[in-house]
Protein backbone atom coordinates (compact mmCIF):
# COMPACT_ATOMS: atom_id res chain seq x y z
CA MET A 1 0.00 0.00 0.00
CA THR A 2 1.39 3.40 -0.94
CA TYR A 3 1.11 6.61 1.01
CA MET A 4 -1.85 7.75 -1.11
CA HIS A 5 -3.31 4.35 -1.98
CA ASP A 6 -6.08 4.77 -4.54
CA HIS A 7 -5.85 8.54 -4.03
CA TYR A 8 -7.33 8.50 -0.53
CA ARG A 9 -5.74 9.82 2.61
CA GLU A 10 -6.40 8.51 6.10
CA ILE A 11 -6.95 11.24 8.70
CA ILE A 12 -7.24 10.71 12.45
CA THR A 13 -9.49 13.28 14.11
CA LYS A 14 -11.69 13.86 17.13
CA ALA A 15 -15.38 13.25 16.63
CA VAL A 16 -18.56 12.64 18.59
CA CYS A 17 -18.49 8.92 19.41
CA GLY A 18 -21.59 8.72 21.54
CA LYS A 19 -24.68 10.71 22.52
CA GLY A 20 -27.26 10.41 25.23
CA ASN A 21 -30.16 12.30 26.82
CA LYS A 22 -31.82 12.12 30.19
CA PHE A 23 -34.81 13.93 31.63
CA THR A 24 -35.51 13.49 35.33
CA LYS A 25 -38.11 14.47 37.90
CA ALA A 26 -36.87 14.41 41.49
CA LYS A 27 -38.58 14.97 44.82
CA HIS A 28 -36.86 16.70 47.74
CA LYS A 29 -37.94 17.03 51.38
CA ILE A 30 -37.00 20.31 53.04
CA THR A 31 -37.34 20.75 56.79
CA PRO A 32 -37.97 24.41 57.67
CA PRO A 33 -37.20 25.76 61.17
CA HIS A 34 -40.93 26.53 61.73
CA LYS A 35 -44.03 24.49 60.95
CA PRO A 36 -45.26 25.92 57.62
CA SER A 37 -48.81 27.27 57.20
CA SER A 38 -48.61 27.95 53.45
CA ILE A 39 -46.13 28.11 50.58
CA LEU A 40 -45.70 31.58 49.10
CA GLY A 41 -43.05 30.80 46.50
CA CYS A 42 -40.36 28.35 45.43
CA TRP A 43 -37.51 28.73 42.97
CA ILE A 44 -34.30 26.96 41.97
CA ILE A 45 -31.03 28.91 41.65
CA ASN A 46 -27.24 28.44 41.45
CA HIS A 47 -27.18 25.29 39.31
CA LYS A 48 -23.66 23.83 38.93
CA TYR A 49 -22.75 20.55 37.20
CA LYS A 50 -19.99 18.51 35.58
CA ALA A 51 -19.82 15.24 33.68
CA ARG A 52 -17.42 12.31 33.29
CA LYS A 53 -17.38 8.98 31.52
CA VAL A 54 -17.99 6.13 33.98
CA ALA A 55 -18.38 3.19 31.59
CA LYS A 56 -18.05 2.40 27.91
CA ASP A 57 -21.65 3.42 27.33
CA LYS A 58 -22.46 5.69 30.31
CA VAL A 59 -21.75 9.25 31.43
CA GLU A 60 -22.28 10.48 34.97
CA VAL A 61 -23.51 14.03 35.57
CA THR A 62 -23.06 15.34 39.11
CA GLY A 63 -24.26 18.68 40.29
CA SER A 64 -26.05 20.83 42.80
CA TYR A 65 -28.59 23.64 43.04
CA ASP A 66 -30.23 25.72 45.71
CA ILE A 67 -33.93 25.36 46.48
CA SER A 68 -35.27 28.61 47.89
CA ILE A 69 -38.69 28.57 49.55
CA TRP A 70 -40.72 31.46 50.88
CA TYR A 71 -43.34 30.24 53.32
CA SER A 72 -45.63 31.47 56.09
CA PHE A 73 -45.87 30.05 59.58
CA HIS A 74 -47.54 30.70 62.93
CA LYS A 75 -51.03 30.54 61.36
CA ASN A 76 -49.98 32.73 58.38
CA THR A 77 -48.88 35.64 60.61
CA LYS A 78 -45.13 35.43 59.86
CA THR A 79 -43.01 34.64 56.79
CA GLU A 80 -39.54 33.38 56.17
CA ALA A 81 -37.38 32.41 53.20
CA ILE A 82 -35.09 29.40 53.46
CA THR A 83 -32.53 28.00 51.05
CA GLU A 84 -31.20 24.45 50.96
CA ARG A 85 -28.43 23.13 48.71
CA VAL A 86 -29.33 19.84 47.00
CA THR A 87 -26.85 17.55 45.24
CA TYR A 88 -27.58 14.94 42.58
CA LYS A 89 -25.91 12.26 40.49
CA GLU A 90 -27.42 11.14 37.18
CA THR A 91 -26.20 8.30 34.97
CA VAL A 92 -26.90 9.11 31.32
CA PRO A 93 -26.85 6.09 28.97
CA LEU A 94 -25.32 6.62 25.53
CA THR A 95 -28.12 5.70 23.15
CA GLU A 96 -26.16 6.55 20.00
CA LYS A 97 -22.67 5.02 19.73
CA ASP A 98 -20.12 5.07 16.92
CA LYS A 99 -18.24 1.77 16.81
CA HIS A 100 -15.49 3.35 14.69
CA CYS A 101 -14.02 5.36 17.56
CA PHE A 102 -10.89 3.52 18.51
CA ARG A 103 -9.30 5.30 21.46
CA GLY A 104 -9.45 8.28 23.75
CA ALA A 105 -13.23 8.48 23.97
CA ASP A 106 -13.01 10.09 27.41
CA GLU A 107 -13.79 13.75 26.77
CA VAL A 108 -17.38 14.62 27.68
CA ILE A 109 -19.48 17.58 26.65
CA VAL A 110 -22.65 18.15 28.67
CA LYS A 111 -25.44 20.58 27.87
CA VAL A 112 -28.43 21.33 30.06
CA THR A 113 -31.63 20.91 28.04
CA GLN A 114 -33.86 21.70 31.03
CA GLN A 115 -32.51 23.82 33.88
CA PRO A 116 -33.72 22.58 37.27
CA ASN A 117 -37.23 23.92 37.62
CA CYS A 118 -39.79 23.67 40.41
CA LEU A 119 -42.87 21.74 39.27
CA GLU A 120 -44.62 21.58 42.61
CA CYS A 121 -44.01 22.77 46.15
CA GLU A 122 -46.35 21.67 48.94
CA ILE A 123 -46.53 21.05 52.65
CA SER A 124 -46.22 17.35 53.55
CA LYS A 125 -49.16 15.46 55.07
CA CYS A 126 -47.48 15.49 58.47
CA GLY A 127 -47.28 19.29 58.21
CA GLU A 128 -43.61 19.54 59.26
CA LYS A 129 -41.80 19.32 55.91
CA ILE A 130 -41.99 20.95 52.51
CA LEU A 131 -42.01 18.65 49.45
CA VAL A 132 -40.47 20.04 46.26
CA GLU A 133 -40.70 18.33 42.86
CA VAL A 134 -37.98 19.41 40.40
CA GLU A 135 -37.41 18.59 36.73
CA ARG A 136 -34.03 18.71 34.95
CA GLY A 137 -32.58 17.44 31.68
CA PHE A 138 -29.22 16.87 29.99
CA THR A 139 -27.69 15.95 26.66
CA VAL A 140 -24.20 14.46 26.72
CA LYS A 141 -21.68 13.85 23.96
CA LEU A 142 -18.64 11.61 24.23
CA LEU A 143 -15.65 12.66 22.10
CA GLY A 144 -12.98 10.28 20.85
CA GLU A 145 -10.57 9.61 18.02
CA THR A 146 -11.73 8.12 14.77
CA LYS A 147 -10.44 7.73 11.21
CA ILE A 148 -11.85 9.37 8.16
CA TYR A 149 -10.77 8.92 4.56
CA VAL A 150 -10.50 11.84 2.16
CA LYS A 151 -10.22 11.59 -1.61
CA VAL A 152 -7.12 13.38 -2.91
CA ASP A 153 -6.84 14.87 -6.41
CA PRO A 154 -3.60 13.30 -7.76
CA SER A 155 -3.23 15.99 -10.42
CA HIS A 156 -3.29 18.82 -7.86
CA LYS A 157 -0.06 20.81 -7.77
CA VAL A 158 1.58 20.76 -4.34
CA SER A 159 2.62 24.21 -3.19
CA ASP A 160 4.58 25.49 -0.22
CA ASP A 161 2.74 28.80 -0.36
CA PHE A 162 -0.79 28.68 1.01
CA TYR A 163 -1.86 31.67 -1.10
CA ASP A 164 -0.89 29.96 -4.38
CA ASP A 165 -4.00 27.84 -3.94
CA PHE A 166 -6.07 31.02 -4.27
CA ALA A 167 -4.16 32.59 -7.16
CA ASP A 168 -6.92 31.88 -9.68
CA HIS A 169 -9.50 33.80 -7.63
CA ASP A 170 -9.90 37.56 -8.17
CA HIS A 171 -11.02 38.21 -4.58
CA SER A 172 -7.85 36.72 -3.05
CA LYS A 173 -4.59 38.61 -2.92
CA LYS A 174 -1.18 37.30 -2.05
CA HIS A 175 0.09 38.79 1.18
CA LYS A 176 3.76 39.68 1.54
């Protein structure tokens, strides 16, 4: 086999070797310092996350966010806002995999498709805790090395000067 066998060139490059998505609903129990009478508001802030490959076909996303709750107590005569940091760990299966990736498929890109969002916030049946339902979603991509083949024009003149390739075009000028 010659260097340019059949006028094709083998190139090794990084490419997406796997993709996966996960959408989750989670429930959290928050214990306020006072017995709540009613919920006045609930929001999720300060979302932080990172991802890493944990298996050939799985990526783990770990993160945290703050749940802030404004509630009334003492028979709706007083209010207070509390914030609790919640951590999570999600395993995202790779549903699309490229079998042609041959090494180094360890770099992970993670994108939030649904920021943590409060779906429901209510007082528990026992009346001492606040139950918060949160939704969140991720897309992950696993990067690795793969080979691609590019057809080469054998009649193309090889040049040391990059701008010679543009000499036939009026809009390109050779820089000195």
